[in-house]
Structure formats: C-alpha cells, structure tokens
Amino acid sequence: MRIALLALLGLAFGALGGAAPGISAGLAWIGILKTSNFEGDSGALVFFTFMPLGAVIGGIGGALLFAVLAIRDAGIAIEHERLARRDR
C-alpha cells in the first residue's frame, strides 16, 4: 500500500515538475520556428501541446522513480536486532 501511495505522490510531483519544462520547450519552439501568433495560435500550441506532454512524461518518470525507491526501501531491513547488553 505504501508503494502505491508513494507512486501516486511521485505522479503528482512529476506532473508538476514536468509541466514547467514543457512550457519552456514550447516557448523555445515558437521562438526558434517563428510560429504564427494569429488569434493566439502560439499560446494554444504551448499550453495544449507542450505543457501536457511535459506533464505526462514528468508524471510517469516521477511515479516510476518513487515506486522504485519505495520497493528498494521495502527490501531493506528497517528494524535491527537488539544486541544483548552486557552488565559490567
């Protein structure tokens, strides 16, 4: 259950983290290729194409990263056996 919750958390953080580079890539695209700005075409391109693509890629990457980290942590023994105390 903890692995699934961490994967969902990674999905949310990854989507937020991936949308910003998507916007940046879209702005670079319209700047380099001189996309038409007639009736907001360039803005629509950025916010309806590049931002969702960045969010999807970031969300999948974040979910996979958090899930892998949670699975690795589950395999590591968290509790250590107590060593017997020596009374001196």
PDB file of N, CA and C in Angstrom:
ATOM      1  N   MET A   1       0.826  -1.189   0.000  1.00  0.00           N
ATOM      2  CA  MET A   1       0.000   0.000   0.000  1.00  0.00           C
ATOM      3  C   MET A   1       0.877   1.262   0.000  1.00  0.00           C
ATOM      4  N   ARG A   2       1.969   1.190   0.758  1.00  0.00           N
ATOM      5  CA  ARG A   2       2.867   2.334   0.836  1.00  0.00           C
ATOM      6  C   ARG A   2       3.515   2.593  -0.519  1.00  0.00           C
ATOM      7  N   ILE A   3       3.816   1.545  -1.255  1.00  0.00           N
ATOM      8  CA  ILE A   3       4.439   1.698  -2.568  1.00  0.00           C
ATOM      9  C   ILE A   3       3.481   2.405  -3.524  1.00  0.00           C
ATOM     10  N   ALA A   4       2.204   2.030  -3.484  1.00  0.00           N
ATOM     11  CA  ALA A   4       1.211   2.663  -4.357  1.00  0.00           C
ATOM     12  C   ALA A   4       1.017   4.132  -4.003  1.00  0.00           C
ATOM     13  N   LEU A   5       0.981   4.433  -2.723  1.00  0.00           N
ATOM     14  CA  LEU A   5       0.817   5.827  -2.313  1.00  0.00           C
ATOM     15  C   LEU A   5       2.021   6.674  -2.706  1.00  0.00           C
ATOM     16  N   LEU A   6       3.209   6.121  -2.560  1.00  0.00           N
ATOM     17  CA  LEU A   6       4.401   6.857  -2.980  1.00  0.00           C
ATOM     18  C   LEU A   6       4.434   7.027  -4.499  1.00  0.00           C
ATOM     19  N   ALA A   7       3.950   6.038  -5.227  1.00  0.00           N
ATOM     20  CA  ALA A   7       3.886   6.166  -6.686  1.00  0.00           C
ATOM     21  C   ALA A   7       2.907   7.269  -7.084  1.00  0.00           C
ATOM     22  N   LEU A   8       1.780   7.372  -6.396  1.00  0.00           N
ATOM     23  CA  LEU A   8       0.828   8.450  -6.678  1.00  0.00           C
ATOM     24  C   LEU A   8       1.418   9.814  -6.328  1.00  0.00           C
ATOM     25  N   LEU A   9       2.153   9.881  -5.239  1.00  0.00           N
ATOM     26  CA  LEU A   9       2.824  11.119  -4.865  1.00  0.00           C
ATOM     27  C   LEU A   9       3.863  11.501  -5.918  1.00  0.00           C
ATOM     28  N   GLY A  10       4.610  10.523  -6.403  1.00  0.00           N
ATOM     29  CA  GLY A  10       5.577  10.762  -7.465  1.00  0.00           C
ATOM     30  C   GLY A  10       4.911  11.207  -8.755  1.00  0.00           C
ATOM     31  N   LEU A  11       3.724  10.655  -9.024  1.00  0.00           N
ATOM     32  CA  LEU A  11       2.971  11.062 -10.209  1.00  0.00           C
ATOM     33  C   LEU A  11       2.589  12.531 -10.117  1.00  0.00           C
ATOM     34  N   ALA A  12       2.106  12.952  -8.955  1.00  0.00           N
ATOM     35  CA  ALA A  12       1.698  14.357  -8.779  1.00  0.00           C
ATOM     36  C   ALA A  12       2.902  15.293  -8.874  1.00  0.00           C
ATOM     37  N   PHE A  13       3.968  14.972  -8.158  1.00  0.00           N
ATOM     38  CA  PHE A  13       5.158  15.823  -8.196  1.00  0.00           C
ATOM     39  C   PHE A  13       5.796  15.834  -9.579  1.00  0.00           C
ATOM     40  N   GLY A  14       5.808  14.685 -10.223  1.00  0.00           N
ATOM     41  CA  GLY A  14       6.389  14.604 -11.562  1.00  0.00           C
ATOM     42  C   GLY A  14       5.590  15.393 -12.590  1.00  0.00           C
ATOM     43  N   ALA A  15       4.259  15.369 -12.457  1.00  0.00           N
ATOM     44  CA  ALA A  15       3.421  16.128 -13.387  1.00  0.00           C
ATOM     45  C   ALA A  15       3.654  17.624 -13.216  1.00  0.00           C
ATOM     46  N   LEU A  16       3.749  18.069 -11.975  1.00  0.00           N
ATOM     47  CA  LEU A  16       4.030  19.489 -11.741  1.00  0.00           C
ATOM     48  C   LEU A  16       5.425  19.854 -12.222  1.00  0.00           C
ATOM     49  N   GLY A  17       6.375  18.983 -11.941  1.00  0.00           N
ATOM     50  CA  GLY A  17       7.748  19.241 -12.354  1.00  0.00           C
ATOM     51  C   GLY A  17       7.961  19.106 -13.846  1.00  0.00           C
ATOM     52  N   GLY A  18       7.140  18.348 -14.526  1.00  0.00           N
ATOM     53  CA  GLY A  18       7.288  18.164 -15.966  1.00  0.00           C
ATOM     54  C   GLY A  18       6.567  19.227 -16.782  1.00  0.00           C
ATOM     55  N   ALA A  19       5.555  19.870 -16.190  1.00  0.00           N
ATOM     56  CA  ALA A  19       4.814  20.896 -16.926  1.00  0.00           C
ATOM     57  C   ALA A  19       5.678  22.129 -17.172  1.00  0.00           C
ATOM     58  N   ALA A  20       6.494  22.504 -16.207  1.00  0.00           N
ATOM     59  CA  ALA A  20       7.335  23.697 -16.364  1.00  0.00           C
ATOM     60  C   ALA A  20       8.355  23.547 -17.498  1.00  0.00           C
ATOM     61  N   PRO A  21       9.093  22.436 -17.580  1.00  0.00           N
ATOM     62  CA  PRO A  21       9.980  22.283 -18.746  1.00  0.00           C
ATOM     63  C   PRO A  21       9.203  22.155 -20.062  1.00  0.00           C
ATOM     64  N   GLY A  22       7.986  21.645 -19.996  1.00  0.00           N
ATOM     65  CA  GLY A  22       7.158  21.583 -21.203  1.00  0.00           C
ATOM     66  C   GLY A  22       6.811  22.963 -21.712  1.00  0.00           C
ATOM     67  N   ILE A  23       6.484  23.866 -20.785  1.00  0.00           N
ATOM     68  CA  ILE A  23       6.206  25.249 -21.183  1.00  0.00           C
ATOM     69  C   ILE A  23       7.467  25.891 -21.751  1.00  0.00           C
ATOM     70  N   SER A  24       8.591  25.649 -21.103  1.00  0.00           N
ATOM     71  CA  SER A  24       9.853  26.216 -21.590  1.00  0.00           C
ATOM     72  C   SER A  24      10.195  25.696 -22.988  1.00  0.00           C
ATOM     73  N   ALA A  25       9.992  24.412 -23.203  1.00  0.00           N
ATOM     74  CA  ALA A  25      10.261  23.841 -24.528  1.00  0.00           C
ATOM     75  C   ALA A  25       9.316  24.428 -25.565  1.00  0.00           C
ATOM     76  N   GLY A  26       8.065  24.638 -25.196  1.00  0.00           N
ATOM     77  CA  GLY A  26       7.108  25.236 -26.122  1.00  0.00           C
ATOM     78  C   GLY A  26       7.459  26.666 -26.473  1.00  0.00           C
ATOM     79  N   LEU A  27       7.889  27.433 -25.471  1.00  0.00           N
ATOM     80  CA  LEU A  27       8.297  28.811 -25.741  1.00  0.00           C
ATOM     81  C   LEU A  27       9.541  28.857 -26.624  1.00  0.00           C
ATOM     82  N   ALA A  28      10.455  27.926 -26.399  1.00  0.00           N
ATOM     83  CA  ALA A  28      11.636  27.844 -27.264  1.00  0.00           C
ATOM     84  C   ALA A  28      11.221  27.472 -28.692  1.00  0.00           C
ATOM     85  N   TRP A  29      10.272  26.556 -28.823  1.00  0.00           N
ATOM     86  CA  TRP A  29       9.795  26.123 -30.138  1.00  0.00           C
ATOM     87  C   TRP A  29       9.215  27.298 -30.920  1.00  0.00           C
ATOM     88  N   ILE A  30       8.346  28.085 -30.268  1.00  0.00           N
ATOM     89  CA  ILE A  30       7.730  29.192 -31.012  1.00  0.00           C
ATOM     90  C   ILE A  30       8.739  30.309 -31.283  1.00  0.00           C
ATOM     91  N   GLY A  31       9.759  30.415 -30.439  1.00  0.00           N
ATOM     92  CA  GLY A  31      10.783  31.425 -30.675  1.00  0.00           C
ATOM     93  C   GLY A  31      11.716  31.046 -31.813  1.00  0.00           C
ATOM     94  N   ILE A  32      12.089  29.791 -31.877  1.00  0.00           N
ATOM     95  CA  ILE A  32      13.030  29.335 -32.903  1.00  0.00           C
ATOM     96  C   ILE A  32      12.348  29.206 -34.269  1.00  0.00           C
ATOM     97  N   LEU A  33      11.157  28.613 -34.279  1.00  0.00           N
ATOM     98  CA  LEU A  33      10.480  28.353 -35.556  1.00  0.00           C
ATOM     99  C   LEU A  33       9.532  29.470 -35.974  1.00  0.00           C
ATOM    100  N   LYS A  34       9.471  30.560 -35.203  1.00  0.00           N
ATOM    101  CA  LYS A  34       8.635  31.727 -35.536  1.00  0.00           C
ATOM    102  C   LYS A  34       7.196  31.328 -35.835  1.00  0.00           C
ATOM    103  N   THR A  35       6.579  30.617 -34.905  1.00  0.00           N
ATOM    104  CA  THR A  35       5.198  30.168 -35.054  1.00  0.00           C
ATOM    105  C   THR A  35       4.263  31.372 -35.101  1.00  0.00           C
ATOM    106  N   SER A  36       3.236  31.297 -35.909  1.00  0.00           N
ATOM    107  CA  SER A  36       2.274  32.388 -36.062  1.00  0.00           C
ATOM    108  C   SER A  36       1.546  32.655 -34.745  1.00  0.00           C
ATOM    109  N   ASN A  37       1.320  33.928 -34.461  1.00  0.00           N
ATOM    110  CA  ASN A  37       0.607  34.308 -33.255  1.00  0.00           C
ATOM    111  C   ASN A  37      -0.789  34.815 -33.597  1.00  0.00           C
ATOM    112  N   PHE A  38      -1.274  34.470 -34.767  1.00  0.00           N
ATOM    113  CA  PHE A  38      -2.598  34.891 -35.192  1.00  0.00           C
ATOM    114  C   PHE A  38      -3.657  34.244 -34.297  1.00  0.00           C
ATOM    115  N   GLU A  39      -4.460  35.059 -33.624  1.00  0.00           N
ATOM    116  CA  GLU A  39      -5.519  34.630 -32.710  1.00  0.00           C
ATOM    117  C   GLU A  39      -5.008  33.672 -31.635  1.00  0.00           C
ATOM    118  N   GLY A  40      -3.781  33.873 -31.188  1.00  0.00           N
ATOM    119  CA  GLY A  40      -3.248  33.093 -30.078  1.00  0.00           C
ATOM    120  C   GLY A  40      -2.803  31.691 -30.433  1.00  0.00           C
ATOM    121  N   ASP A  41      -2.442  31.474 -31.673  1.00  0.00           N
ATOM    122  CA  ASP A  41      -2.009  30.136 -32.099  1.00  0.00           C
ATOM    123  C   ASP A  41      -0.789  29.646 -31.327  1.00  0.00           C
ATOM    124  N   SER A  42       0.168  30.535 -31.103  1.00  0.00           N
ATOM    125  CA  SER A  42       1.384  30.095 -30.417  1.00  0.00           C
ATOM    126  C   SER A  42       1.104  29.759 -28.951  1.00  0.00           C
ATOM    127  N   GLY A  43       0.244  30.523 -28.301  1.00  0.00           N
ATOM    128  CA  GLY A  43      -0.112  30.218 -26.911  1.00  0.00           C
ATOM    129  C   GLY A  43      -0.867  28.907 -26.792  1.00  0.00           C
ATOM    130  N   ALA A  44      -1.768  28.670 -27.741  1.00  0.00           N
ATOM    131  CA  ALA A  44      -2.511  27.408 -27.740  1.00  0.00           C
ATOM    132  C   ALA A  44      -1.582  26.230 -27.974  1.00  0.00           C
ATOM    133  N   LEU A  45      -0.588  26.425 -28.839  1.00  0.00           N
ATOM    134  CA  LEU A  45       0.383  25.361 -29.096  1.00  0.00           C
ATOM    135  C   LEU A  45       1.137  25.006 -27.823  1.00  0.00           C
ATOM    136  N   VAL A  46       1.582  26.026 -27.101  1.00  0.00           N
ATOM    137  CA  VAL A  46       2.351  25.790 -25.877  1.00  0.00           C
ATOM    138  C   VAL A  46       1.492  25.126 -24.818  1.00  0.00           C
ATOM    139  N   PHE A  47       0.321  25.687 -24.540  1.00  0.00           N
ATOM    140  CA  PHE A  47      -0.456  25.227 -23.395  1.00  0.00           C
ATOM    141  C   PHE A  47      -1.356  24.031 -23.679  1.00  0.00           C
ATOM    142  N   PHE A  48      -1.566  23.685 -24.934  1.00  0.00           N
ATOM    143  CA  PHE A  48      -2.364  22.497 -25.234  1.00  0.00           C
ATOM    144  C   PHE A  48      -1.548  21.347 -25.821  1.00  0.00           C
ATOM    145  N   THR A  49      -0.275  21.590 -26.127  1.00  0.00           N
ATOM    146  CA  THR A  49       0.565  20.522 -26.654  1.00  0.00           C
ATOM    147  C   THR A  49       1.784  20.270 -25.780  1.00  0.00           C
ATOM    148  N   PHE A  50       2.612  21.291 -25.605  1.00  0.00           N
ATOM    149  CA  PHE A  50       3.874  21.086 -24.905  1.00  0.00           C
ATOM    150  C   PHE A  50       3.702  20.902 -23.398  1.00  0.00           C
ATOM    151  N   MET A  51       2.825  21.684 -22.770  1.00  0.00           N
ATOM    152  CA  MET A  51       2.645  21.548 -21.327  1.00  0.00           C
ATOM    153  C   MET A  51       2.057  20.178 -20.954  1.00  0.00           C
ATOM    154  N   PRO A  52       0.999  19.689 -21.627  1.00  0.00           N
ATOM    155  CA  PRO A  52       0.519  18.346 -21.287  1.00  0.00           C
ATOM    156  C   PRO A  52       1.527  17.235 -21.559  1.00  0.00           C
ATOM    157  N   LEU A  53       2.291  17.361 -22.646  1.00  0.00           N
ATOM    158  CA  LEU A  53       3.315  16.348 -22.918  1.00  0.00           C
ATOM    159  C   LEU A  53       4.373  16.332 -21.817  1.00  0.00           C
ATOM    160  N   GLY A  54       4.810  17.506 -21.392  1.00  0.00           N
ATOM    161  CA  GLY A  54       5.773  17.578 -20.298  1.00  0.00           C
ATOM    162  C   GLY A  54       5.212  17.024 -19.008  1.00  0.00           C
ATOM    163  N   ALA A  55       3.933  17.302 -18.735  1.00  0.00           N
ATOM    164  CA  ALA A  55       3.304  16.798 -17.518  1.00  0.00           C
ATOM    165  C   ALA A  55       3.180  15.272 -17.547  1.00  0.00           C
ATOM    166  N   VAL A  56       2.833  14.716 -18.691  1.00  0.00           N
ATOM    167  CA  VAL A  56       2.705  13.255 -18.803  1.00  0.00           C
ATOM    168  C   VAL A  56       4.066  12.583 -18.638  1.00  0.00           C
ATOM    169  N   ILE A  57       5.063  13.093 -19.321  1.00  0.00           N
ATOM    170  CA  ILE A  57       6.404  12.500 -19.229  1.00  0.00           C
ATOM    171  C   ILE A  57       6.944  12.636 -17.809  1.00  0.00           C
ATOM    172  N   GLY A  58       6.781  13.814 -17.217  1.00  0.00           N
ATOM    173  CA  GLY A  58       7.240  14.016 -15.839  1.00  0.00           C
ATOM    174  C   GLY A  58       6.478  13.172 -14.842  1.00  0.00           C
ATOM    175  N   GLY A  59       5.163  13.020 -15.038  1.00  0.00           N
ATOM    176  CA  GLY A  59       4.361  12.205 -14.133  1.00  0.00           C
ATOM    177  C   GLY A  59       4.752  10.742 -14.166  1.00  0.00           C
ATOM    178  N   ILE A  60       4.954  10.219 -15.353  1.00  0.00           N
ATOM    179  CA  ILE A  60       5.374   8.819 -15.473  1.00  0.00           C
ATOM    180  C   ILE A  60       6.757   8.622 -14.869  1.00  0.00           C
ATOM    181  N   GLY A  61       7.655   9.540 -15.158  1.00  0.00           N
ATOM    182  CA  GLY A  61       9.007   9.444 -14.598  1.00  0.00           C
ATOM    183  C   GLY A  61       9.016   9.558 -13.081  1.00  0.00           C
ATOM    184  N   GLY A  62       8.242  10.482 -12.537  1.00  0.00           N
ATOM    185  CA  GLY A  62       8.163  10.639 -11.081  1.00  0.00           C
ATOM    186  C   GLY A  62       7.544   9.436 -10.403  1.00  0.00           C
ATOM    187  N   ALA A  63       6.488   8.891 -11.000  1.00  0.00           N
ATOM    188  CA  ALA A  63       5.844   7.711 -10.423  1.00  0.00           C
ATOM    189  C   ALA A  63       6.795   6.516 -10.421  1.00  0.00           C
ATOM    190  N   LEU A  64       7.508   6.326 -11.523  1.00  0.00           N
ATOM    191  CA  LEU A  64       8.467   5.216 -11.586  1.00  0.00           C
ATOM    192  C   LEU A  64       9.603   5.405 -10.592  1.00  0.00           C
ATOM    193  N   LEU A  65      10.110   6.625 -10.486  1.00  0.00           N
ATOM    194  CA  LEU A  65      11.201   6.896  -9.561  1.00  0.00           C
ATOM    195  C   LEU A  65      10.775   6.644  -8.118  1.00  0.00           C
ATOM    196  N   PHE A  66       9.628   7.177  -7.715  1.00  0.00           N
ATOM    197  CA  PHE A  66       9.166   6.988  -6.332  1.00  0.00           C
ATOM    198  C   PHE A  66       8.834   5.526  -6.063  1.00  0.00           C
ATOM    199  N   ALA A  67       8.270   4.810  -7.046  1.00  0.00           N
ATOM    200  CA  ALA A  67       7.950   3.395  -6.849  1.00  0.00           C
ATOM    201  C   ALA A  67       9.221   2.568  -6.688  1.00  0.00           C
ATOM    202  N   VAL A  68      10.225   2.841  -7.508  1.00  0.00           N
ATOM    203  CA  VAL A  68      11.488   2.100  -7.400  1.00  0.00           C
ATOM    204  C   VAL A  68      12.138   2.361  -6.047  1.00  0.00           C
ATOM    205  N   LEU A  69      12.129   3.617  -5.609  1.00  0.00           N
ATOM    206  CA  LEU A  69      12.701   3.931  -4.303  1.00  0.00           C
ATOM    207  C   LEU A  69      11.937   3.246  -3.175  1.00  0.00           C
ATOM    208  N   ALA A  70      10.599   3.183  -3.293  1.00  0.00           N
ATOM    209  CA  ALA A  70       9.801   2.527  -2.260  1.00  0.00           C
ATOM    210  C   ALA A  70      10.034   1.015  -2.254  1.00  0.00           C
ATOM    211  N   ILE A  71      10.184   0.422  -3.427  1.00  0.00           N
ATOM    212  CA  ILE A  71      10.428  -1.021  -3.497  1.00  0.00           C
ATOM    213  C   ILE A  71      11.801  -1.355  -2.925  1.00  0.00           C
ATOM    214  N   ARG A  72      12.791  -0.540  -3.232  1.00  0.00           N
ATOM    215  CA  ARG A  72      14.126  -0.772  -2.667  1.00  0.00           C
ATOM    216  C   ARG A  72      14.118  -0.630  -1.161  1.00  0.00           C
ATOM    217  N   ASP A  73      13.385   0.356  -0.647  1.00  0.00           N
ATOM    218  CA  ASP A  73      13.320   0.578   0.791  1.00  0.00           C
ATOM    219  C   ASP A  73      12.594  -0.575   1.482  1.00  0.00           C
ATOM    220  N   ALA A  74      11.610  -1.174   0.812  1.00  0.00           N
ATOM    221  CA  ALA A  74      10.881  -2.288   1.405  1.00  0.00           C
ATOM    222  C   ALA A  74      11.779  -3.515   1.548  1.00  0.00           C
ATOM    223  N   GLY A  75      12.760  -3.638   0.699  1.00  0.00           N
ATOM    224  CA  GLY A  75      13.665  -4.778   0.758  1.00  0.00           C
ATOM    225  C   GLY A  75      14.733  -4.651   1.816  1.00  0.00           C
ATOM    226  N   ILE A  76      14.943  -3.438   2.315  1.00  0.00           N
ATOM    227  CA  ILE A  76      15.964  -3.204   3.331  1.00  0.00           C
ATOM    228  C   ILE A  76      15.345  -3.408   4.702  1.00  0.00           C
ATOM    229  N   ALA A  77      16.035  -4.128   5.541  1.00  0.00           N
ATOM    230  CA  ALA A  77      15.527  -4.349   6.894  1.00  0.00           C
ATOM    231  C   ALA A  77      15.549  -3.033   7.661  1.00  0.00           C
ATOM    232  N   ILE A  78      14.399  -2.646   8.149  1.00  0.00           N
ATOM    233  CA  ILE A  78      14.297  -1.376   8.869  1.00  0.00           C
ATOM    234  C   ILE A  78      14.664  -1.556  10.332  1.00  0.00           C
ATOM    235  N   GLU A  79      14.181  -2.632  10.911  1.00  0.00           N
ATOM    236  CA  GLU A  79      14.463  -2.870  12.324  1.00  0.00           C
ATOM    237  C   GLU A  79      15.668  -3.802  12.447  1.00  0.00           C
ATOM    238  N   HIS A  80      16.562  -3.428  13.316  1.00  0.00           N
ATOM    239  CA  HIS A  80      17.725  -4.250  13.566  1.00  0.00           C
ATOM    240  C   HIS A  80      17.521  -5.006  14.875  1.00  0.00           C
ATOM    241  N   GLU A  81      18.110  -6.176  14.926  1.00  0.00           N
ATOM    242  CA  GLU A  81      18.000  -6.937  16.163  1.00  0.00           C
ATOM    243  C   GLU A  81      18.792  -6.240  17.252  1.00  0.00           C
ATOM    244  N   ARG A  82      18.212  -6.254  18.417  1.00  0.00           N
ATOM    245  CA  ARG A  82      18.901  -5.623  19.540  1.00  0.00           C
ATOM    246  C   ARG A  82      20.046  -6.505  20.005  1.00  0.00           C
ATOM    247  N   LEU A  83      21.126  -5.846  20.239  1.00  0.00           N
ATOM    248  CA  LEU A  83      22.268  -6.585  20.761  1.00  0.00           C
ATOM    249  C   LEU A  83      22.083  -6.796  22.256  1.00  0.00           C
ATOM    250  N   ALA A  84      22.519  -7.939  22.720  1.00  0.00           N
ATOM    251  CA  ALA A  84      22.379  -8.237  24.155  1.00  0.00           C
ATOM    252  C   ALA A  84      23.301  -7.314  24.940  1.00  0.00           C
ATOM    253  N   ARG A  85      22.741  -6.703  25.945  1.00  0.00           N
ATOM    254  CA  ARG A  85      23.543  -5.803  26.795  1.00  0.00           C
ATOM    255  C   ARG A  85      24.381  -6.606  27.776  1.00  0.00           C
ATOM    256  N   ARG A  86      25.564  -6.154  27.925  1.00  0.00           N
ATOM    257  CA  ARG A  86      26.437  -6.798  28.898  1.00  0.00           C
ATOM    258  C   ARG A  86      26.475  -5.932  30.153  1.00  0.00           C
ATOM    259  N   ASP A  87      26.095  -6.539  31.248  1.00  0.00           N
ATOM    260  CA  ASP A  87      26.145  -5.811  32.522  1.00  0.00           C
ATOM    261  C   ASP A  87      27.527  -5.956  33.107  1.00  0.00           C
ATOM    262  N   ARG A  88      28.178  -4.869  33.384  1.00  0.00           N
ATOM    263  CA  ARG A  88      29.535  -4.918  33.924  1.00  0.00           C
ATOM    264  C   ARG A  88      29.531  -4.544  35.358  1.00  0.00           C
TER     265      ARG A  88
END
